[in-house]
Amino acid sequence: MGNLRSSRFQFLCAFQFLMLVQTRVSCYQYKVGDLDAWGIPSSANAHVYTNWSKNHIFKIGDSLLFLYPPSQDSVIQVTGQSFNACNLTDPILYMNNGNSLFNITSLGEFYFTSAVPGHCEKKQKLQISVLSGNGSSAFSPSYGPSALPDSSYPTVFGSIPAANSSSPSQRAPVFLAAVMGFVSWDLIRGRM
């Protein structure tokens, strides 16, 4: 076996580390509403949360960040029936720290609204769908996709990439790192 302190071994280990660092992380943290804080939508942009969720693809491992003044608002996760009726009693989850993070850990429909009475009726509510595979569909049934304006909600920071987890571009760095690991091992053992 080769000397573990040799410069050749150290170079190969550093090269393999750099190849592994290059792999993509396919989970994202989304700030709900982008630059807008979690709050009552303005009359000019009443469908902000519907439009925002429509322009994102959510998957297991992603998270939603709700930002709001904790003394003025909160966020609750509710059932679909409670979402449609703006029923704030018996929420699934209650968050009120102003920097609330919801981690997506399963497939399905997720419904959120403010726990402050009257905010849900003013369209401070969000529905997301996490579907199997990489696709997603998200809209609020209370005002559905047919009621959405023709212009899409602008994402100020640019679109967030939603790559297919089985795409060759994501598998290539991992495959290359594995090959480099085997080559490195063979070089260290003196086979090549």
Protein backbone atom coordinates (compact mmCIF):
# COMPACT_ATOMS: atom_id res chain seq x y z
CA MET A 1 0.00 0.00 0.00
CA GLY A 2 1.26 3.52 -0.81
CA ASN A 3 2.48 6.02 1.75
CA LEU A 4 -0.50 7.99 3.10
CA ARG A 5 1.70 11.07 3.57
CA SER A 6 2.97 11.15 -0.01
CA SER A 7 2.21 14.22 -2.09
CA ARG A 8 0.64 12.02 -4.78
CA PHE A 9 -1.82 10.56 -2.27
CA GLN A 10 -2.66 14.01 -0.86
CA PHE A 11 -3.19 15.39 -4.37
CA LEU A 12 -5.52 12.54 -5.28
CA CYS A 13 -7.51 12.96 -2.07
CA ALA A 14 -7.84 16.71 -2.66
CA PHE A 15 -8.91 16.11 -6.27
CA GLN A 16 -11.52 13.57 -5.21
CA PHE A 17 -12.83 15.94 -2.52
CA LEU A 18 -13.22 18.72 -5.11
CA MET A 19 -15.14 16.35 -7.38
CA LEU A 20 -17.53 15.46 -4.54
CA VAL A 21 -18.05 19.12 -3.59
CA GLN A 22 -19.13 19.79 -7.15
CA THR A 23 -22.25 17.61 -6.82
CA ARG A 24 -25.53 19.48 -6.65
CA VAL A 25 -27.82 19.68 -3.69
CA SER A 26 -31.35 19.27 -4.92
CA CYS A 27 -33.22 20.69 -1.93
CA TYR A 28 -34.19 24.33 -1.73
CA GLN A 29 -35.41 26.76 0.89
CA TYR A 30 -38.11 29.01 -0.55
CA LYS A 31 -38.97 32.34 1.00
CA VAL A 32 -42.75 32.42 0.75
CA GLY A 33 -43.77 35.27 -1.56
CA ASP A 34 -40.11 36.06 -2.44
CA LEU A 35 -39.42 39.66 -1.36
CA ASP A 36 -42.87 40.18 0.15
CA ALA A 37 -43.15 39.22 3.80
CA TRP A 38 -45.89 36.80 4.88
CA GLY A 39 -48.85 39.09 5.27
CA ILE A 40 -52.17 40.24 3.84
CA PRO A 41 -51.83 40.69 0.08
CA SER A 42 -52.43 44.14 -1.34
CA SER A 43 -55.53 44.70 -3.46
CA ALA A 44 -53.25 45.20 -6.48
CA ASN A 45 -51.66 41.79 -5.91
CA ALA A 46 -54.42 39.81 -4.20
CA HIS A 47 -53.26 36.49 -5.66
CA VAL A 48 -49.60 36.85 -4.64
CA TYR A 49 -49.44 33.48 -2.86
CA THR A 50 -51.30 31.62 -5.60
CA ASN A 51 -49.05 33.09 -8.27
CA TRP A 52 -45.93 32.49 -6.21
CA SER A 53 -46.68 28.83 -5.56
CA LYS A 54 -47.69 28.30 -9.18
CA ASN A 55 -44.18 29.33 -10.27
CA HIS A 56 -42.33 26.88 -8.04
CA ILE A 57 -41.91 23.13 -8.03
CA PHE A 58 -41.78 21.71 -4.54
CA LYS A 59 -40.37 18.35 -3.56
CA ILE A 60 -39.51 16.37 -0.46
CA GLY A 61 -36.51 17.93 1.26
CA ASP A 62 -37.43 21.50 0.34
CA SER A 63 -38.52 23.98 2.98
CA LEU A 64 -40.74 27.05 3.13
CA LEU A 65 -39.59 30.12 5.06
CA PHE A 66 -42.35 32.42 6.32
CA LEU A 67 -41.04 35.86 7.39
CA TYR A 68 -43.30 38.23 9.33
CA PRO A 69 -43.29 40.44 12.43
CA PRO A 70 -43.96 37.96 15.27
CA SER A 71 -45.95 40.52 17.25
CA GLN A 72 -48.35 41.03 14.33
CA ASP A 73 -48.78 37.70 12.58
CA SER A 74 -48.25 33.93 12.57
CA VAL A 75 -48.65 30.98 10.26
CA ILE A 76 -50.63 27.78 10.73
CA GLN A 77 -50.88 24.61 8.73
CA VAL A 78 -54.47 23.50 8.31
CA THR A 79 -56.48 20.84 6.51
CA GLY A 80 -57.86 21.47 3.04
CA GLN A 81 -61.37 21.85 4.43
CA SER A 82 -60.22 24.39 7.02
CA PHE A 83 -58.24 26.20 4.32
CA ASN A 84 -61.30 26.61 2.07
CA ALA A 85 -63.55 27.67 4.96
CA CYS A 86 -60.88 29.84 6.65
CA ASN A 87 -61.43 27.83 9.82
CA LEU A 88 -58.56 28.66 12.19
CA THR A 89 -59.51 26.26 14.97
CA ASP A 90 -57.51 23.08 15.55
CA PRO A 91 -54.50 23.74 13.24
CA ILE A 92 -52.11 20.94 12.35
CA LEU A 93 -49.11 23.17 13.11
CA TYR A 94 -48.79 26.62 14.70
CA MET A 95 -45.71 28.84 14.18
CA ASN A 96 -45.34 32.37 15.53
CA ASN A 97 -41.65 33.25 15.83
CA GLY A 98 -41.51 35.52 12.74
CA ASN A 99 -38.95 33.30 11.07
CA SER A 100 -40.97 30.11 10.62
CA LEU A 101 -39.52 27.23 8.64
CA PHE A 102 -41.69 24.40 7.35
CA ASN A 103 -39.78 21.35 6.09
CA ILE A 104 -41.47 19.29 3.39
CA THR A 105 -41.10 15.67 4.45
CA SER A 106 -43.87 13.93 2.53
CA LEU A 107 -45.92 14.03 -0.65
CA GLY A 108 -49.34 15.64 -0.72
CA GLU A 109 -51.22 18.89 -0.38
CA PHE A 110 -50.16 21.43 2.23
CA TYR A 111 -52.31 24.35 3.33
CA PHE A 112 -51.17 27.41 5.27
CA THR A 113 -52.83 30.57 6.49
CA SER A 114 -52.42 33.20 9.17
CA ALA A 115 -53.76 32.44 12.64
CA VAL A 116 -54.89 36.07 12.96
CA PRO A 117 -58.68 36.28 12.52
CA GLY A 118 -59.68 37.90 9.21
CA HIS A 119 -56.34 37.41 7.44
CA CYS A 120 -57.37 34.19 5.71
CA GLU A 121 -60.48 35.86 4.30
CA LYS A 122 -58.17 38.55 2.88
CA LYS A 123 -56.29 35.82 0.94
CA GLN A 124 -53.31 35.44 3.24
CA LYS A 125 -53.18 31.75 2.52
CA LEU A 126 -51.00 29.37 0.60
CA GLN A 127 -51.55 25.94 -0.90
CA ILE A 128 -48.72 23.85 -2.27
CA SER A 129 -48.72 20.41 -3.83
CA VAL A 130 -45.82 18.02 -3.56
CA LEU A 131 -46.36 15.33 -6.14
CA SER A 132 -44.45 12.14 -6.82
CA GLY A 133 -41.60 12.61 -9.20
CA ASN A 134 -40.50 16.13 -9.98
CA GLY A 135 -43.71 17.81 -11.03
CA SER A 136 -45.81 20.08 -8.93
CA SER A 137 -49.07 21.82 -9.24
CA ALA A 138 -50.03 24.56 -6.86
CA PHE A 139 -53.02 26.85 -6.68
CA SER A 140 -55.66 27.90 -4.26
CA PRO A 141 -59.03 26.26 -4.82
CA SER A 142 -60.79 29.36 -3.53
CA TYR A 143 -59.83 31.28 -6.61
CA GLY A 144 -58.44 28.52 -8.84
CA PRO A 145 -56.14 28.68 -11.86
CA SER A 146 -58.81 30.06 -14.18
CA ALA A 147 -59.00 33.23 -12.10
CA LEU A 148 -55.28 33.89 -12.25
CA PRO A 149 -54.15 36.95 -14.17
CA ASP A 150 -52.39 36.42 -17.50
CA SER A 151 -49.12 37.92 -16.28
CA SER A 152 -47.04 35.65 -14.08
CA TYR A 153 -45.71 36.76 -10.75
CA PRO A 154 -42.13 38.04 -11.20
CA THR A 155 -39.38 36.37 -9.24
CA VAL A 156 -36.98 39.15 -8.34
CA PHE A 157 -33.99 36.86 -7.72
CA GLY A 158 -34.53 34.88 -10.91
CA SER A 159 -36.09 31.50 -11.21
CA ILE A 160 -35.11 28.79 -8.80
CA PRO A 161 -33.84 25.78 -10.72
CA ALA A 162 -35.94 22.69 -10.45
CA ALA A 163 -33.79 19.95 -11.88
CA ASN A 164 -34.90 16.40 -12.37
CA SER A 165 -33.13 14.36 -9.69
CA SER A 166 -32.48 11.59 -12.19
CA SER A 167 -31.11 13.92 -14.86
CA PRO A 168 -27.69 13.01 -16.30
CA SER A 169 -26.30 16.43 -15.34
CA GLN A 170 -26.73 15.61 -11.65
CA ARG A 171 -25.58 12.02 -11.91
CA ALA A 172 -22.41 12.87 -13.85
CA PRO A 173 -20.45 14.55 -11.01
CA VAL A 174 -21.29 11.70 -8.63
CA PHE A 175 -20.34 9.10 -11.23
CA LEU A 176 -17.14 10.99 -12.04
CA ALA A 177 -16.25 11.23 -8.35
CA ALA A 178 -16.80 7.48 -7.94
CA VAL A 179 -14.60 6.70 -10.96
CA MET A 180 -11.94 9.06 -9.66
CA GLY A 181 -12.09 7.30 -6.30
CA PHE A 182 -11.45 3.91 -7.90
CA VAL A 183 -8.64 5.32 -10.06
CA SER A 184 -7.12 6.98 -7.00
CA TRP A 185 -7.28 3.74 -5.06
CA ASP A 186 -5.61 1.87 -7.91
CA LEU A 187 -2.89 4.53 -8.17
CA ILE A 188 -2.23 4.37 -4.45
CA ARG A 189 -1.98 0.61 -4.50
CA GLY A 190 0.40 0.85 -7.48
CA ARG A 191 -1.72 -1.03 -10.00
CA MET A 192 -1.65 1.65 -12.69
